[in-house]
Amino acid sequence: MSEAIRTLLVATPSFRELVFSTESMARLDRVGELVVLDDPTDAAALAAGLPDTDVLITSWHAAPLTAEVLAHANRLRLIAHSASSVKHFVTDEVFKHGIRITQAGQAMARPVAEVSLAFTLNMLHRIHRLDHGLHGAAMRRGEINTPPQHGIRGSRVGVVGASRTGVEYIAMVVALGADVVVHDPHLTDERAAQLGVRRIDLDELLRTSRVVALHAPTLPETHEMIGARELALMPDGSSLVNTARSWLVDSDALLAELRTGRIDAALDVFDEEPLPSDSPLRGLPNVLLTPHRAAGTVECYLEMGEITAAEIERYVAGSPLRYELSEAALARMA
């Protein structure tokens, strides 16, 4: 594409400050005219800004791209989402108009994997139980009810899903000496060998792992893949780590299992967010809770802006996009 393009960036000032560094904004300026709108929820303002726009940069809380909105998109050929999920605003109309989509979710893989690793170490060493105990009435270690503590070297860690975040997490726990097994129907033996892991079925993974870390995608077939039957397979004293989506777990079954004290859990995601103040999870000493902030690092947000700028540069140069979403792939996402 040789001619200058018009790019429309629709994001709040606070989002732009968080995600687009001075250099990222300069890169966007260099590819052509850059127009900025401050309210991503304002569908009327978006429609008014779309005529003669070639690239649309979307952000959190983007307005749905309906037929009415896209009727104004006479030149739009690329949507570059400067965050992760696009399900809440991309409609079938986007593909009917021949518009391509890319997104910056890859930036989240490393920080989420790091939190998953932190959760894993926490679970093995029972730091959450010791912390709860000392915040309560306990004075000495012996007064706090904890299952045996373990180190990660030699501990079996079961990973459900070799997603982009799952692969980052696998590299970390393998490097620390864990015995890593993976359940993922799309993982080949060759790829497993490259990652330094072994493929096994889900039941065996659950029965034999000291920590089970969930990194599966949100698909119809993964809905509540961890239910009462699966949780019952986990050994006494084992732990569940979920930084992916609550979609993967039967939350009622998990709560029932956690209330027995038989297993522990570290959770960053919930069916209802923010987690209600009266949630029973809040009072359990065998549970570590964080408010869906696993990807919330300064570096992650800035990388989202860098990925967005790079994808637009590739588009302008006529090069393949690295993070393009196909209609088929998007349709499968729940």
Protein backbone atom coordinates (compact mmCIF):
# COMPACT_ATOMS: atom_id res chain seq x y z
CA MET A 1 0.00 0.00 0.00
CA SER A 2 1.82 3.09 -1.20
CA GLU A 3 -0.65 5.91 -0.49
CA ALA A 4 -0.98 7.47 2.97
CA ILE A 5 -3.68 6.01 5.11
CA ARG A 6 -6.12 7.47 7.62
CA THR A 7 -6.13 5.81 11.03
CA LEU A 8 -8.87 6.33 13.61
CA LEU A 9 -7.86 5.62 17.21
CA VAL A 10 -10.87 5.28 19.53
CA ALA A 11 -9.80 5.12 23.17
CA THR A 12 -10.15 7.10 26.35
CA PRO A 13 -7.30 9.46 27.25
CA SER A 14 -6.43 7.24 30.23
CA PHE A 15 -6.23 4.14 28.00
CA ARG A 16 -4.03 5.95 25.49
CA GLU A 17 -1.68 7.06 28.25
CA LEU A 18 -1.52 3.51 29.58
CA VAL A 19 -1.02 1.72 26.26
CA PHE A 20 0.46 4.06 23.68
CA SER A 21 3.89 5.41 24.53
CA THR A 22 5.28 8.50 22.82
CA GLU A 23 7.15 6.21 20.43
CA SER A 24 4.06 4.10 19.64
CA MET A 25 2.06 7.25 18.87
CA ALA A 26 4.89 8.50 16.68
CA ARG A 27 4.85 5.23 14.73
CA LEU A 28 1.12 5.63 14.15
CA ASP A 29 1.65 9.22 12.99
CA ARG A 30 4.30 8.12 10.52
CA VAL A 31 2.01 5.75 8.61
CA GLY A 32 -0.46 8.52 7.76
CA GLU A 33 -3.12 10.78 9.20
CA LEU A 34 -4.06 9.89 12.77
CA VAL A 35 -7.45 10.92 14.18
CA VAL A 36 -8.36 10.34 17.82
CA LEU A 37 -11.77 9.91 19.48
CA ASP A 38 -12.02 9.87 23.27
CA ASP A 39 -15.16 7.78 23.91
CA PRO A 40 -15.07 4.18 22.64
CA THR A 41 -18.68 3.60 23.75
CA ASP A 42 -20.10 6.37 21.53
CA ALA A 43 -21.36 4.54 18.43
CA ALA A 44 -22.62 7.76 16.80
CA ALA A 45 -19.22 9.46 17.11
CA LEU A 46 -17.55 6.33 15.75
CA ALA A 47 -19.87 6.25 12.75
CA ALA A 48 -19.20 9.93 12.08
CA GLY A 49 -15.44 9.30 12.20
CA LEU A 50 -15.36 6.27 9.91
CA PRO A 51 -15.78 7.82 6.43
CA ASP A 52 -12.46 7.65 4.54
CA THR A 53 -10.83 5.75 7.43
CA ASP A 54 -8.55 2.89 6.38
CA VAL A 55 -7.57 1.51 9.81
CA LEU A 56 -9.61 1.53 13.01
CA ILE A 57 -7.80 1.07 16.33
CA THR A 58 -10.19 -0.14 19.01
CA SER A 59 -9.73 -0.41 22.76
CA TRP A 60 -11.58 -1.48 25.91
CA HIS A 61 -15.38 -0.97 25.87
CA ALA A 62 -15.49 -0.60 22.08
CA ALA A 63 -18.95 0.00 20.62
CA PRO A 64 -20.36 -2.93 18.60
CA LEU A 65 -19.56 -2.72 14.91
CA THR A 66 -23.11 -3.12 13.64
CA ALA A 67 -24.34 -2.80 10.06
CA GLU A 68 -25.49 0.75 10.87
CA VAL A 69 -22.03 1.77 12.07
CA LEU A 70 -20.17 0.01 9.26
CA ALA A 71 -22.41 1.64 6.65
CA HIS A 72 -20.14 4.66 7.13
CA ALA A 73 -16.92 2.64 6.66
CA ASN A 74 -16.38 3.21 2.95
CA ARG A 75 -12.62 2.52 3.08
CA LEU A 76 -12.11 0.54 6.27
CA ARG A 77 -9.94 -2.55 5.68
CA LEU A 78 -8.29 -3.26 9.03
CA ILE A 79 -9.36 -3.26 12.68
CA ALA A 80 -6.40 -3.31 15.06
CA HIS A 81 -7.64 -4.06 18.56
CA SER A 82 -5.14 -2.72 21.07
CA ALA A 83 -6.23 -5.22 23.74
CA SER A 84 -7.22 -8.89 23.73
CA SER A 85 -10.77 -10.19 23.23
CA VAL A 86 -12.82 -8.76 20.35
CA LYS A 87 -15.94 -10.85 20.93
CA HIS A 88 -17.85 -8.03 22.60
CA PHE A 89 -17.78 -5.68 19.61
CA VAL A 90 -16.95 -7.59 16.41
CA THR A 91 -20.08 -8.71 14.56
CA ASP A 92 -20.62 -10.81 11.44
CA GLU A 93 -20.92 -7.54 9.53
CA VAL A 94 -17.18 -6.98 9.89
CA PHE A 95 -16.36 -10.04 7.80
CA LYS A 96 -19.19 -9.33 5.35
CA HIS A 97 -17.44 -6.05 4.63
CA GLY A 98 -14.13 -7.86 4.03
CA ILE A 99 -12.46 -6.15 6.98
CA ARG A 100 -9.46 -7.87 8.56
CA ILE A 101 -8.90 -8.03 12.33
CA THR A 102 -5.78 -8.22 14.43
CA GLN A 103 -5.34 -7.92 18.19
CA ALA A 104 -2.65 -7.34 20.80
CA GLY A 105 -3.47 -10.15 23.24
CA GLN A 106 -0.01 -11.69 22.85
CA ALA A 107 1.29 -8.98 25.18
CA MET A 108 -0.66 -10.56 28.02
CA ALA A 109 0.86 -14.03 27.71
CA ARG A 110 4.06 -13.37 29.66
CA PRO A 111 2.62 -11.44 32.64
CA VAL A 112 -0.28 -13.88 33.05
CA ALA A 113 2.17 -16.78 32.93
CA GLU A 114 4.28 -15.05 35.58
CA VAL A 115 1.28 -14.71 37.89
CA SER A 116 0.41 -18.35 37.24
CA LEU A 117 3.97 -19.25 38.25
CA ALA A 118 3.69 -17.07 41.37
CA PHE A 119 0.43 -18.82 42.23
CA THR A 120 2.08 -22.20 41.69
CA LEU A 121 4.95 -21.44 44.05
CA ASN A 122 2.51 -19.99 46.56
CA MET A 123 0.40 -23.14 46.50
CA LEU A 124 3.37 -25.46 46.85
CA HIS A 125 4.80 -23.55 49.81
CA ARG A 126 1.33 -22.88 51.37
CA ILE A 127 2.12 -19.17 51.68
CA HIS A 128 -1.59 -18.30 51.45
CA ARG A 129 -2.45 -20.55 54.40
CA LEU A 130 0.40 -19.19 56.49
CA ASP A 131 -0.63 -15.63 55.64
CA HIS A 132 -4.27 -16.27 56.54
CA GLY A 133 -3.17 -17.89 59.79
CA LEU A 134 -1.00 -14.99 60.87
CA HIS A 135 -3.68 -12.49 59.97
CA GLY A 136 -5.91 -14.48 62.30
CA ALA A 137 -5.12 -15.63 65.82
CA ALA A 138 -2.19 -17.93 65.11
CA MET A 139 1.15 -17.06 66.71
CA ARG A 140 3.33 -19.96 65.59
CA ARG A 141 3.68 -22.12 62.50
CA GLY A 142 2.36 -25.18 64.30
CA GLU A 143 -0.93 -23.44 65.03
CA ILE A 144 -1.72 -23.05 61.30
CA ASN A 145 -3.35 -25.97 59.52
CA THR A 146 -1.33 -26.58 56.35
CA PRO A 147 -0.81 -29.66 54.21
CA PRO A 148 2.86 -30.52 53.57
CA GLN A 149 4.91 -27.85 51.82
CA HIS A 150 6.82 -28.72 48.64
CA GLY A 151 9.40 -27.21 46.32
CA ILE A 152 8.77 -26.98 42.61
CA ARG A 153 11.78 -29.09 41.56
CA GLY A 154 10.50 -32.60 40.99
CA SER A 155 6.88 -31.67 41.69
CA ARG A 156 4.46 -32.70 38.99
CA VAL A 157 2.72 -29.71 37.47
CA GLY A 158 -0.19 -30.43 35.15
CA VAL A 159 -0.95 -27.82 32.50
CA VAL A 160 -4.36 -27.83 30.85
CA GLY A 161 -3.94 -26.03 27.54
CA ALA A 162 -0.76 -25.23 25.60
CA SER A 163 -2.09 -21.81 24.64
CA ARG A 164 0.21 -18.85 24.10
CA THR A 165 0.05 -18.18 27.85
CA GLY A 166 0.31 -21.88 28.59
CA VAL A 167 3.50 -22.16 26.56
CA GLU A 168 5.05 -19.21 28.44
CA TYR A 169 4.10 -20.83 31.75
CA ILE A 170 5.43 -24.23 30.65
CA ALA A 171 8.83 -22.70 29.83
CA MET A 172 9.02 -21.20 33.33
CA VAL A 173 8.08 -24.30 35.32
CA VAL A 174 10.26 -26.56 33.15
CA ALA A 175 13.21 -24.22 33.77
CA LEU A 176 12.60 -24.52 37.52
CA GLY A 177 12.78 -28.30 37.38
CA ALA A 178 9.14 -29.31 37.60
CA ASP A 179 7.90 -32.56 36.09
CA VAL A 180 5.48 -31.06 33.59
CA VAL A 181 2.63 -32.90 31.91
CA VAL A 182 0.15 -31.31 29.52
CA HIS A 183 -3.38 -32.02 28.36
CA ASP A 184 -4.21 -30.36 25.06
CA PRO A 185 -5.91 -32.19 22.18
CA HIS A 186 -4.03 -30.04 19.66
CA LEU A 187 -0.55 -30.57 21.12
CA THR A 188 1.54 -32.98 19.05
CA ASP A 189 4.20 -35.29 20.45
CA GLU A 190 6.82 -33.38 18.47
CA ARG A 191 5.76 -30.04 19.93
CA ALA A 192 5.55 -31.56 23.42
CA ALA A 193 9.14 -32.77 23.08
CA GLN A 194 10.23 -29.29 22.02
CA LEU A 195 8.58 -27.88 25.15
CA GLY A 196 10.16 -30.54 27.38
CA VAL A 197 6.82 -31.97 28.52
CA ARG A 198 4.77 -35.13 28.15
CA ARG A 199 1.22 -35.31 26.81
CA ILE A 200 -1.32 -37.19 28.94
CA ASP A 201 -5.10 -37.36 29.17
CA LEU A 202 -6.98 -35.04 31.50
CA ASP A 203 -7.94 -37.66 34.09
CA GLU A 204 -4.35 -38.86 34.52
CA LEU A 205 -3.14 -35.28 34.76
CA LEU A 206 -5.65 -34.52 37.51
CA ARG A 207 -4.90 -37.73 39.43
CA THR A 208 -1.13 -37.28 39.42
CA SER A 209 -0.38 -33.54 39.58
CA ARG A 210 0.56 -31.61 42.69
CA VAL A 211 -0.52 -28.38 40.94
CA VAL A 212 -3.00 -28.12 38.06
CA ALA A 213 -2.69 -24.87 36.07
CA LEU A 214 -5.47 -23.94 33.65
CA HIS A 215 -4.51 -22.25 30.38
CA ALA A 216 -7.16 -23.60 28.00
CA PRO A 217 -9.06 -21.31 25.59
CA THR A 218 -12.68 -20.27 25.97
CA LEU A 219 -14.41 -22.65 23.57
CA PRO A 220 -17.74 -24.51 23.72
CA GLU A 221 -15.93 -27.78 24.46
CA THR A 222 -13.96 -26.30 27.36
CA HIS A 223 -16.99 -25.01 29.26
CA GLU A 224 -16.83 -26.40 32.83
CA MET A 225 -14.29 -28.99 31.72
CA ILE A 226 -13.25 -29.09 35.38
CA GLY A 227 -16.36 -30.20 37.26
CA ALA A 228 -17.15 -32.18 40.39
CA ARG A 229 -15.94 -35.46 38.87
CA GLU A 230 -12.66 -33.95 37.73
CA LEU A 231 -12.02 -32.13 41.02
CA ALA A 232 -12.59 -35.36 42.93
CA LEU A 233 -9.71 -36.92 40.97
CA MET A 234 -7.22 -34.41 42.36
CA PRO A 235 -5.09 -35.79 45.23
CA ASP A 236 -5.48 -34.55 48.78
CA GLY A 237 -3.28 -31.50 49.26
CA SER A 238 -3.07 -30.64 45.56
CA SER A 239 -3.89 -27.21 44.15
CA LEU A 240 -5.77 -25.64 41.26
CA VAL A 241 -4.43 -22.47 39.61
CA ASN A 242 -6.72 -20.49 37.30
CA THR A 243 -5.54 -17.31 35.60
CA ALA A 244 -7.42 -18.15 32.37
CA ARG A 245 -11.21 -17.97 32.60
CA SER A 246 -13.80 -19.13 35.14
CA TRP A 247 -15.58 -20.57 32.07
CA LEU A 248 -13.30 -23.61 32.40
CA VAL A 249 -14.50 -24.58 35.89
CA ASP A 250 -17.82 -25.49 37.49
CA SER A 251 -17.61 -22.80 40.15
CA ASP A 252 -20.20 -24.38 42.44
CA ALA A 253 -18.37 -27.69 42.37
CA LEU A 254 -15.06 -25.94 43.05
CA LEU A 255 -16.50 -24.08 46.04
CA ALA A 256 -17.90 -27.32 47.46
CA GLU A 257 -14.51 -29.02 47.09
CA LEU A 258 -12.63 -26.08 48.59
CA ARG A 259 -14.95 -25.97 51.59
CA THR A 260 -13.78 -29.45 52.54
CA GLY A 261 -10.21 -28.16 52.79
CA ARG A 262 -9.01 -31.14 50.77
CA ILE A 263 -7.46 -29.06 47.98
CA ASP A 264 -6.26 -25.46 47.62
CA ALA A 265 -6.83 -22.94 44.84
CA ALA A 266 -5.40 -19.69 43.48
CA LEU A 267 -7.90 -17.75 41.38
CA ASP A 268 -7.66 -14.57 39.33
CA VAL A 269 -10.94 -15.05 37.42
CA PHE A 270 -14.54 -15.47 38.53
CA ASP A 271 -18.04 -15.95 37.13
CA GLU A 272 -19.04 -12.56 38.51
CA GLU A 273 -16.53 -9.73 38.45
CA PRO A 274 -15.79 -7.93 40.62
CA LEU A 275 -16.04 -10.80 43.07
CA PRO A 276 -19.08 -10.08 45.31
CA SER A 277 -18.27 -8.91 48.82
CA ASP A 278 -20.29 -11.80 50.26
CA SER A 279 -18.62 -14.49 48.14
CA PRO A 280 -17.86 -17.56 50.29
CA LEU A 281 -14.46 -17.77 48.60
CA ARG A 282 -13.33 -14.71 50.56
CA GLY A 283 -13.44 -16.52 53.89
CA LEU A 284 -11.59 -19.71 52.95
CA PRO A 285 -8.02 -20.06 54.27
CA ASN A 286 -7.06 -22.47 51.48
CA VAL A 287 -7.80 -19.98 48.70
CA LEU A 288 -5.70 -17.18 47.22
CA LEU A 289 -7.68 -14.51 45.38
CA THR A 290 -6.67 -11.69 43.04
CA PRO A 291 -9.12 -9.41 41.13
CA HIS A 292 -8.46 -10.38 37.48
CA ARG A 293 -5.24 -8.37 37.38
CA ALA A 294 -2.78 -11.01 36.15
CA ALA A 295 -2.01 -9.03 32.98
CA GLY A 296 -1.96 -5.65 34.69
CA THR A 297 1.72 -4.74 34.35
CA VAL A 298 3.06 -1.47 32.99
CA GLU A 299 5.12 -3.44 30.48
CA CYS A 300 2.13 -5.46 29.26
CA TYR A 301 0.06 -2.38 28.51
CA LEU A 302 2.90 -0.67 26.65
CA GLU A 303 3.55 -3.83 24.62
CA MET A 304 -0.10 -3.82 23.53
CA GLY A 305 0.52 -0.42 21.96
CA GLU A 306 3.76 -1.61 20.36
CA ILE A 307 2.06 -4.67 18.86
CA THR A 308 -0.78 -2.51 17.51
CA ALA A 309 1.63 -0.09 15.84
CA ALA A 310 3.70 -2.94 14.41
CA GLU A 311 0.66 -4.69 12.95
CA ILE A 312 -0.45 -1.48 11.22
CA GLU A 313 3.06 -0.99 9.85
CA ARG A 314 2.96 -4.53 8.47
CA TYR A 315 -0.44 -3.87 6.90
CA VAL A 316 0.76 -0.67 5.24
CA ALA A 317 3.88 -2.46 3.94
CA GLY A 318 1.79 -5.31 2.54
CA SER A 319 3.44 -7.83 4.89
CA PRO A 320 1.61 -10.68 6.65
CA LEU A 321 0.01 -9.77 9.98
CA ARG A 322 1.34 -11.70 12.98
CA TYR A 323 -1.83 -11.73 15.06
CA GLU A 324 -4.68 -11.78 12.56
CA LEU A 325 -7.97 -13.37 13.62
CA SER A 326 -9.86 -15.40 11.05
CA GLU A 327 -13.63 -15.54 10.89
CA ALA A 328 -13.53 -19.29 11.60
CA ALA A 329 -11.35 -18.88 14.68
CA LEU A 330 -13.46 -16.08 16.06
CA ALA A 331 -16.67 -18.03 15.48
CA ARG A 332 -15.36 -20.88 17.65
CA MET A 333 -14.62 -18.63 20.61
CA ALA A 334 -17.33 -18.76 23.27
